Amino acid sequence: MVNQLAKFSPELASQTEPLRQLLKRDSLWSWGHPQEQSFQAVKKNLTSTPVLAHYCAGRETIIAADASNAGLGAVLLQIQPDGSRRPVSYISRSLTPAEKNYAVIEKEALAATLASERFSEYILGSTYTIETDHKPLVPLLTTKELYKMPPRIQRFRLRLMRFSPNVIHVSGKQQITADALSRAPASAPSEEDIALVNDADVMAKQTLDGLPASSRKLQDIITQQKW
């Protein structure tokens, strides 16, 4: 992540020197005051200008989202006049106990959904791109019929319906920042996050409990729809 964003801040090279010393093969690994000071300086640099860009309406906007077994991470990017992709904002949070049991594709869908909701003040009402390194997720969030999806994925798709994303697949090499944010979560799930997880699980359970539908149940549904 630092290497990917270093081009936006010449100070990062000098700030990371105490940390890079620990990576040398013949170096005795010891975390002291210089390393801690370097670590804090790098974190501050990555979350301020010139690394972070100011949001500009009208510029192409991208959300790179990723999930790991530990957490969710995403970065809001905008294409600058010089063609570079500059970060505007980050999110990073750990998974709830329930979310840790999700399938990989469900975690990836959650990452894309959570990122869109957290960055809603930037993207609501405009088109943007979601980048994912999990290729099977693309049709699930774009073209696949809703009724053909697993219940939990349906829930995420419904939450995304108020947005206008273009979901594309990219290689893992392009997801370095989002991947790093997901593997080292910076915050715990909020009460709202936990409530949304519970809602999704309830919906999934209710759907599965209703299967298979009996002939009488199907007839009741048809009758209700005639009204």
C-alpha atoms as a PDB file:
ATOM      1  CA  MET A   1       0.000   0.000   0.000  1.00  0.00           C
ATOM      2  CA  VAL A   2       2.786   2.426   0.922  1.00  0.00           C
ATOM      3  CA  ASN A   3       4.724   1.561  -2.233  1.00  0.00           C
ATOM      4  CA  GLN A   4       1.634   2.096  -4.376  1.00  0.00           C
ATOM      5  CA  LEU A   5       0.957   5.564  -2.932  1.00  0.00           C
ATOM      6  CA  ALA A   6       4.554   6.718  -2.459  1.00  0.00           C
ATOM      7  CA  LYS A   7       4.575   8.526  -5.813  1.00  0.00           C
ATOM      8  CA  PHE A   8       2.141  11.083  -4.402  1.00  0.00           C
ATOM      9  CA  SER A   9       4.389  12.047  -1.475  1.00  0.00           C
ATOM     10  CA  PRO A  10       8.184  12.418  -1.713  1.00  0.00           C
ATOM     11  CA  GLU A  11       8.371  12.350   2.099  1.00  0.00           C
ATOM     12  CA  LEU A  12       7.309   8.709   2.330  1.00  0.00           C
ATOM     13  CA  ALA A  13      10.699   7.415   1.187  1.00  0.00           C
ATOM     14  CA  SER A  14      12.525   9.071   4.087  1.00  0.00           C
ATOM     15  CA  GLN A  15       9.732   8.381   6.578  1.00  0.00           C
ATOM     16  CA  THR A  16       9.857   4.636   5.930  1.00  0.00           C
ATOM     17  CA  GLU A  17      13.648   4.334   6.250  1.00  0.00           C
ATOM     18  CA  PRO A  18      13.612   3.040   9.884  1.00  0.00           C
ATOM     19  CA  LEU A  19      11.022   0.436   8.859  1.00  0.00           C
ATOM     20  CA  ARG A  20      12.894  -0.655   5.759  1.00  0.00           C
ATOM     21  CA  GLN A  21      15.988  -1.282   7.866  1.00  0.00           C
ATOM     22  CA  LEU A  22      14.078  -4.116   9.553  1.00  0.00           C
ATOM     23  CA  LEU A  23      13.602  -5.854   6.192  1.00  0.00           C
ATOM     24  CA  LYS A  24      17.303  -6.323   5.550  1.00  0.00           C
ATOM     25  CA  ARG A  25      18.434  -9.932   5.716  1.00  0.00           C
ATOM     26  CA  ASP A  26      21.268  -9.320   8.185  1.00  0.00           C
ATOM     27  CA  SER A  27      19.291  -6.903  10.363  1.00  0.00           C
ATOM     28  CA  LEU A  28      18.358  -7.750  13.955  1.00  0.00           C
ATOM     29  CA  TRP A  29      14.600  -7.199  14.214  1.00  0.00           C
ATOM     30  CA  SER A  30      13.907  -4.688  16.965  1.00  0.00           C
ATOM     31  CA  TRP A  31      10.915  -2.361  17.169  1.00  0.00           C
ATOM     32  CA  GLY A  32      11.981   0.757  19.003  1.00  0.00           C
ATOM     33  CA  HIS A  33      11.107   4.429  19.186  1.00  0.00           C
ATOM     34  CA  PRO A  34      12.430   5.261  15.664  1.00  0.00           C
ATOM     35  CA  GLN A  35      10.274   2.539  14.118  1.00  0.00           C
ATOM     36  CA  GLU A  36       7.159   3.558  16.048  1.00  0.00           C
ATOM     37  CA  GLN A  37       7.721   7.200  15.130  1.00  0.00           C
ATOM     38  CA  SER A  38       8.175   6.215  11.480  1.00  0.00           C
ATOM     39  CA  PHE A  39       5.037   4.071  11.525  1.00  0.00           C
ATOM     40  CA  GLN A  40       2.883   6.878  12.937  1.00  0.00           C
ATOM     41  CA  ALA A  41       4.326   9.398  10.460  1.00  0.00           C
ATOM     42  CA  VAL A  42       3.531   7.115   7.520  1.00  0.00           C
ATOM     43  CA  LYS A  43      -0.051   6.600   8.697  1.00  0.00           C
ATOM     44  CA  LYS A  44      -0.539  10.346   9.021  1.00  0.00           C
ATOM     45  CA  ASN A  45       0.966  10.935   5.588  1.00  0.00           C
ATOM     46  CA  LEU A  46      -1.282   8.379   3.894  1.00  0.00           C
ATOM     47  CA  THR A  47      -4.409  10.010   5.321  1.00  0.00           C
ATOM     48  CA  SER A  48      -3.635  13.617   4.443  1.00  0.00           C
ATOM     49  CA  THR A  49      -2.577  15.726   1.480  1.00  0.00           C
ATOM     50  CA  PRO A  50      -0.703  15.393  -0.832  1.00  0.00           C
ATOM     51  CA  VAL A  51      -1.482  11.645  -0.817  1.00  0.00           C
ATOM     52  CA  LEU A  52      -5.225  12.194  -0.349  1.00  0.00           C
ATOM     53  CA  ALA A  53      -6.897  14.271  -3.033  1.00  0.00           C
ATOM     54  CA  HIS A  54      -9.891  16.559  -2.580  1.00  0.00           C
ATOM     55  CA  TYR A  55     -13.086  15.167  -4.075  1.00  0.00           C
ATOM     56  CA  CYS A  56     -14.052  16.876  -7.330  1.00  0.00           C
ATOM     57  CA  ALA A  57     -17.543  16.420  -8.785  1.00  0.00           C
ATOM     58  CA  GLY A  58     -17.429  15.450 -12.431  1.00  0.00           C
ATOM     59  CA  ARG A  59     -14.230  13.423 -12.296  1.00  0.00           C
ATOM     60  CA  GLU A  60     -14.317   9.679 -12.884  1.00  0.00           C
ATOM     61  CA  THR A  61     -14.845   7.988  -9.523  1.00  0.00           C
ATOM     62  CA  ILE A  62     -13.821   4.457  -8.565  1.00  0.00           C
ATOM     63  CA  ILE A  63     -14.363   2.332  -5.473  1.00  0.00           C
ATOM     64  CA  ALA A  64     -11.829  -0.469  -5.048  1.00  0.00           C
ATOM     65  CA  ALA A  65     -13.256  -2.906  -2.496  1.00  0.00           C
ATOM     66  CA  ASP A  66     -11.854  -6.111  -1.049  1.00  0.00           C
ATOM     67  CA  ALA A  67     -12.487  -8.605   1.740  1.00  0.00           C
ATOM     68  CA  SER A  68     -10.306 -10.957   3.743  1.00  0.00           C
ATOM     69  CA  ASN A  69     -10.930 -13.411   6.559  1.00  0.00           C
ATOM     70  CA  ALA A  70     -10.241 -10.558   8.989  1.00  0.00           C
ATOM     71  CA  GLY A  71     -12.096  -7.594   7.598  1.00  0.00           C
ATOM     72  CA  LEU A  72     -13.316  -5.345   4.800  1.00  0.00           C
ATOM     73  CA  GLY A  73     -11.390  -2.595   3.074  1.00  0.00           C
ATOM     74  CA  ALA A  74     -12.067  -0.051   0.354  1.00  0.00           C
ATOM     75  CA  VAL A  75     -10.625   3.107  -1.118  1.00  0.00           C
ATOM     76  CA  LEU A  76     -12.464   5.854  -2.994  1.00  0.00           C
ATOM     77  CA  LEU A  77     -10.364   6.970  -5.961  1.00  0.00           C
ATOM     78  CA  GLN A  78     -10.682   9.700  -8.561  1.00  0.00           C
ATOM     79  CA  ILE A  79      -8.929  10.055 -11.892  1.00  0.00           C
ATOM     80  CA  GLN A  80      -6.888  13.265 -11.871  1.00  0.00           C
ATOM     81  CA  PRO A  81      -6.254  15.552 -14.891  1.00  0.00           C
ATOM     82  CA  ASP A  82      -2.808  13.945 -15.295  1.00  0.00           C
ATOM     83  CA  GLY A  83      -4.434  10.488 -15.508  1.00  0.00           C
ATOM     84  CA  SER A  84      -3.312   9.292 -12.053  1.00  0.00           C
ATOM     85  CA  ARG A  85      -5.656   7.518  -9.636  1.00  0.00           C
ATOM     86  CA  ARG A  86      -5.629   9.436  -6.358  1.00  0.00           C
ATOM     87  CA  PRO A  87      -7.285   8.231  -3.145  1.00  0.00           C
ATOM     88  CA  VAL A  88      -9.951  10.483  -1.643  1.00  0.00           C
ATOM     89  CA  SER A  89     -11.033   8.405   1.359  1.00  0.00           C
ATOM     90  CA  TYR A  90     -10.560   4.978   2.953  1.00  0.00           C
ATOM     91  CA  ILE A  91     -12.680   2.580   4.967  1.00  0.00           C
ATOM     92  CA  SER A  92     -11.495  -0.416   6.960  1.00  0.00           C
ATOM     93  CA  ARG A  93     -13.364  -2.488   9.511  1.00  0.00           C
ATOM     94  CA  SER A  94     -13.267  -5.954  10.994  1.00  0.00           C
ATOM     95  CA  LEU A  95     -15.871  -8.622  10.293  1.00  0.00           C
ATOM     96  CA  THR A  96     -18.556  -9.484  12.808  1.00  0.00           C
ATOM     97  CA  PRO A  97     -18.618 -13.088  14.095  1.00  0.00           C
ATOM     98  CA  ALA A  98     -21.541 -13.816  11.752  1.00  0.00           C
ATOM     99  CA  GLU A  99     -19.793 -12.267   8.735  1.00  0.00           C
ATOM    100  CA  LYS A 100     -16.737 -14.468   9.296  1.00  0.00           C
ATOM    101  CA  ASN A 101     -18.942 -17.441   8.407  1.00  0.00           C
ATOM    102  CA  TYR A 102     -19.930 -15.943   5.052  1.00  0.00           C
ATOM    103  CA  ALA A 103     -18.759 -17.552   1.828  1.00  0.00           C
ATOM    104  CA  VAL A 104     -15.949 -15.724   0.005  1.00  0.00           C
ATOM    105  CA  ILE A 105     -18.288 -14.279  -2.605  1.00  0.00           C
ATOM    106  CA  GLU A 106     -20.635 -13.010   0.129  1.00  0.00           C
ATOM    107  CA  LYS A 107     -17.756 -11.237   1.876  1.00  0.00           C
ATOM    108  CA  GLU A 108     -16.743  -9.626  -1.414  1.00  0.00           C
ATOM    109  CA  ALA A 109     -20.328  -8.527  -2.050  1.00  0.00           C
ATOM    110  CA  LEU A 110     -20.502  -7.108   1.459  1.00  0.00           C
ATOM    111  CA  ALA A 111     -17.286  -5.137   0.889  1.00  0.00           C
ATOM    112  CA  ALA A 112     -18.680  -3.558  -2.296  1.00  0.00           C
ATOM    113  CA  THR A 113     -22.004  -2.788  -0.632  1.00  0.00           C
ATOM    114  CA  LEU A 114     -20.516  -1.355   2.550  1.00  0.00           C
ATOM    115  CA  ALA A 115     -18.089   0.810   0.567  1.00  0.00           C
ATOM    116  CA  SER A 116     -20.886   2.258  -1.568  1.00  0.00           C
ATOM    117  CA  GLU A 117     -22.947   3.065   1.527  1.00  0.00           C
ATOM    118  CA  ARG A 118     -20.033   4.623   3.419  1.00  0.00           C
ATOM    119  CA  PHE A 119     -19.063   6.736   0.394  1.00  0.00           C
ATOM    120  CA  SER A 120     -22.675   7.600  -0.474  1.00  0.00           C
ATOM    121  CA  GLU A 121     -22.162  11.341   0.014  1.00  0.00           C
ATOM    122  CA  TYR A 122     -19.726  11.264  -2.901  1.00  0.00           C
ATOM    123  CA  ILE A 123     -21.444   8.859  -5.315  1.00  0.00           C
ATOM    124  CA  LEU A 124     -25.208   9.100  -4.765  1.00  0.00           C
ATOM    125  CA  GLY A 125     -26.864  10.430  -7.912  1.00  0.00           C
ATOM    126  CA  SER A 126     -23.908   9.773 -10.195  1.00  0.00           C
ATOM    127  CA  THR A 127     -22.336   6.812 -11.942  1.00  0.00           C
ATOM    128  CA  TYR A 128     -19.149   5.256 -10.587  1.00  0.00           C
ATOM    129  CA  THR A 129     -17.113   2.085 -10.932  1.00  0.00           C
ATOM    130  CA  ILE A 130     -16.720  -0.713  -8.386  1.00  0.00           C
ATOM    131  CA  GLU A 131     -13.526  -2.698  -8.849  1.00  0.00           C
ATOM    132  CA  THR A 132     -13.328  -6.233  -7.466  1.00  0.00           C
ATOM    133  CA  ASP A 133     -10.729  -8.962  -7.860  1.00  0.00           C
ATOM    134  CA  HIS A 134     -13.431 -11.638  -7.413  1.00  0.00           C
ATOM    135  CA  LYS A 135     -14.681 -12.239 -10.965  1.00  0.00           C
ATOM    136  CA  PRO A 136     -17.832 -14.281 -10.103  1.00  0.00           C
ATOM    137  CA  LEU A 137     -19.156 -11.259  -8.201  1.00  0.00           C
ATOM    138  CA  VAL A 138     -19.526  -9.102 -11.338  1.00  0.00           C
ATOM    139  CA  PRO A 139     -22.684 -10.726 -12.821  1.00  0.00           C
ATOM    140  CA  LEU A 140     -24.254 -11.100  -9.380  1.00  0.00           C
ATOM    141  CA  LEU A 141     -24.147  -7.328  -8.839  1.00  0.00           C
ATOM    142  CA  THR A 142     -25.051  -6.385 -12.403  1.00  0.00           C
ATOM    143  CA  THR A 143     -26.908  -8.649 -14.826  1.00  0.00           C
ATOM    144  CA  LYS A 144     -28.056 -11.800 -13.039  1.00  0.00           C
ATOM    145  CA  GLU A 145     -31.769 -12.022 -12.249  1.00  0.00           C
ATOM    146  CA  LEU A 146     -32.494 -11.290  -8.604  1.00  0.00           C
ATOM    147  CA  TYR A 147     -34.551 -14.439  -8.025  1.00  0.00           C
ATOM    148  CA  LYS A 148     -31.659 -16.648  -9.131  1.00  0.00           C
ATOM    149  CA  MET A 149     -29.309 -15.365  -6.423  1.00  0.00           C
ATOM    150  CA  PRO A 150     -28.669 -16.707  -2.922  1.00  0.00           C
ATOM    151  CA  PRO A 151     -30.782 -14.799  -0.356  1.00  0.00           C
ATOM    152  CA  ARG A 152     -27.842 -12.973   1.239  1.00  0.00           C
ATOM    153  CA  ILE A 153     -26.537 -11.782  -2.146  1.00  0.00           C
ATOM    154  CA  GLN A 154     -30.063 -10.633  -2.972  1.00  0.00           C
ATOM    155  CA  ARG A 155     -29.980  -8.451   0.111  1.00  0.00           C
ATOM    156  CA  PHE A 156     -26.699  -6.823  -0.912  1.00  0.00           C
ATOM    157  CA  ARG A 157     -27.982  -6.277  -4.455  1.00  0.00           C
ATOM    158  CA  LEU A 158     -31.104  -4.586  -3.090  1.00  0.00           C
ATOM    159  CA  ARG A 159     -28.998  -2.288  -0.914  1.00  0.00           C
ATOM    160  CA  LEU A 160     -27.039  -1.257  -4.008  1.00  0.00           C
ATOM    161  CA  MET A 161     -30.135  -0.401  -6.056  1.00  0.00           C
ATOM    162  CA  ARG A 162     -30.143   3.253  -4.982  1.00  0.00           C
ATOM    163  CA  PHE A 163     -26.706   3.645  -6.530  1.00  0.00           C
ATOM    164  CA  SER A 164     -25.527   3.525 -10.151  1.00  0.00           C
ATOM    165  CA  PRO A 165     -22.374   1.390 -10.144  1.00  0.00           C
ATOM    166  CA  ASN A 166     -20.531  -0.202 -13.028  1.00  0.00           C
ATOM    167  CA  VAL A 167     -18.950  -3.334 -11.556  1.00  0.00           C
ATOM    168  CA  ILE A 168     -15.760  -4.604 -13.204  1.00  0.00           C
ATOM    169  CA  HIS A 169     -13.149  -7.258 -12.490  1.00  0.00           C
ATOM    170  CA  VAL A 170      -9.505  -6.269 -11.986  1.00  0.00           C
ATOM    171  CA  SER A 171      -6.443  -8.271 -11.064  1.00  0.00           C
ATOM    172  CA  GLY A 172      -5.376  -8.619  -7.457  1.00  0.00           C
ATOM    173  CA  LYS A 173      -2.302  -6.505  -8.241  1.00  0.00           C
ATOM    174  CA  GLN A 174      -4.584  -3.495  -8.686  1.00  0.00           C
ATOM    175  CA  GLN A 175      -6.260  -4.074  -5.324  1.00  0.00           C
ATOM    176  CA  ILE A 176      -3.187  -3.585  -3.133  1.00  0.00           C
ATOM    177  CA  THR A 177      -4.603  -0.711  -1.073  1.00  0.00           C
ATOM    178  CA  ALA A 178      -8.049  -2.238  -0.519  1.00  0.00           C
ATOM    179  CA  ASP A 179      -6.437  -5.600   0.246  1.00  0.00           C
ATOM    180  CA  ALA A 180      -4.152  -4.049   2.866  1.00  0.00           C
ATOM    181  CA  LEU A 181      -7.064  -2.239   4.494  1.00  0.00           C
ATOM    182  CA  SER A 182      -9.066  -5.475   4.715  1.00  0.00           C
ATOM    183  CA  ARG A 183      -6.202  -7.480   6.242  1.00  0.00           C
ATOM    184  CA  ALA A 184      -5.487  -4.930   8.977  1.00  0.00           C
ATOM    185  CA  PRO A 185      -8.931  -3.596   9.984  1.00  0.00           C
ATOM    186  CA  ALA A 186      -8.790  -0.133  11.506  1.00  0.00           C
ATOM    187  CA  SER A 187     -12.169  -0.181  13.241  1.00  0.00           C
ATOM    188  CA  ALA A 188     -14.790  -2.504  14.702  1.00  0.00           C
ATOM    189  CA  PRO A 189     -18.287  -2.939  13.200  1.00  0.00           C
ATOM    190  CA  SER A 190     -20.737  -0.236  14.230  1.00  0.00           C
ATOM    191  CA  GLU A 191     -24.175  -0.932  15.697  1.00  0.00           C
ATOM    192  CA  GLU A 192     -25.644  -0.157  12.275  1.00  0.00           C
ATOM    193  CA  ASP A 193     -23.339  -2.713  10.644  1.00  0.00           C
ATOM    194  CA  ILE A 194     -24.427  -5.388  13.113  1.00  0.00           C
ATOM    195  CA  ALA A 195     -28.107  -4.530  12.581  1.00  0.00           C
ATOM    196  CA  LEU A 196     -27.723  -4.854   8.801  1.00  0.00           C
ATOM    197  CA  VAL A 197     -26.023  -8.236   9.218  1.00  0.00           C
ATOM    198  CA  ASN A 198     -28.907  -9.440  11.368  1.00  0.00           C
ATOM    199  CA  ASP A 199     -31.445  -8.196   8.797  1.00  0.00           C
ATOM    200  CA  ALA A 200     -29.634 -10.043   6.008  1.00  0.00           C
ATOM    201  CA  ASP A 201     -29.467 -13.260   8.031  1.00  0.00           C
ATOM    202  CA  VAL A 202     -33.171 -13.057   8.925  1.00  0.00           C
ATOM    203  CA  MET A 203     -34.078 -12.547   5.267  1.00  0.00           C
ATOM    204  CA  ALA A 204     -31.923 -15.505   4.217  1.00  0.00           C
ATOM    205  CA  LYS A 205     -33.449 -17.750   6.892  1.00  0.00           C
ATOM    206  CA  GLN A 206     -37.016 -16.743   6.027  1.00  0.00           C
ATOM    207  CA  THR A 207     -36.400 -17.443   2.351  1.00  0.00           C
ATOM    208  CA  LEU A 208     -34.884 -20.853   3.009  1.00  0.00           C
ATOM    209  CA  ASP A 209     -37.618 -21.750   5.512  1.00  0.00           C
ATOM    210  CA  GLY A 210     -40.192 -21.092   2.820  1.00  0.00           C
ATOM    211  CA  LEU A 211     -38.668 -23.609   0.420  1.00  0.00           C
ATOM    212  CA  PRO A 212     -39.907 -25.675  -1.227  1.00  0.00           C
ATOM    213  CA  ALA A 213     -43.215 -23.886  -1.626  1.00  0.00           C
ATOM    214  CA  SER A 214     -46.302 -26.100  -1.586  1.00  0.00           C
ATOM    215  CA  SER A 215     -48.918 -26.006  -4.351  1.00  0.00           C
ATOM    216  CA  ARG A 216     -51.328 -24.309  -1.940  1.00  0.00           C
ATOM    217  CA  LYS A 217     -48.734 -21.674  -1.044  1.00  0.00           C
ATOM    218  CA  LEU A 218     -48.053 -20.950  -4.715  1.00  0.00           C
ATOM    219  CA  GLN A 219     -51.774 -20.615  -5.389  1.00  0.00           C
ATOM    220  CA  ASP A 220     -52.092 -18.156  -2.472  1.00  0.00           C
ATOM    221  CA  ILE A 221     -49.285 -16.065  -3.953  1.00  0.00           C
ATOM    222  CA  ILE A 222     -50.939 -16.043  -7.389  1.00  0.00           C
ATOM    223  CA  THR A 223     -54.261 -15.023  -5.837  1.00  0.00           C
ATOM    224  CA  GLN A 224     -52.657 -12.161  -3.883  1.00  0.00           C
ATOM    225  CA  GLN A 225     -50.907 -10.850  -7.006  1.00  0.00           C
ATOM    226  CA  LYS A 226     -54.226 -10.566  -8.861  1.00  0.00           C
ATOM    227  CA  TRP A 227     -55.195  -7.752  -6.530  1.00  0.00           C
END
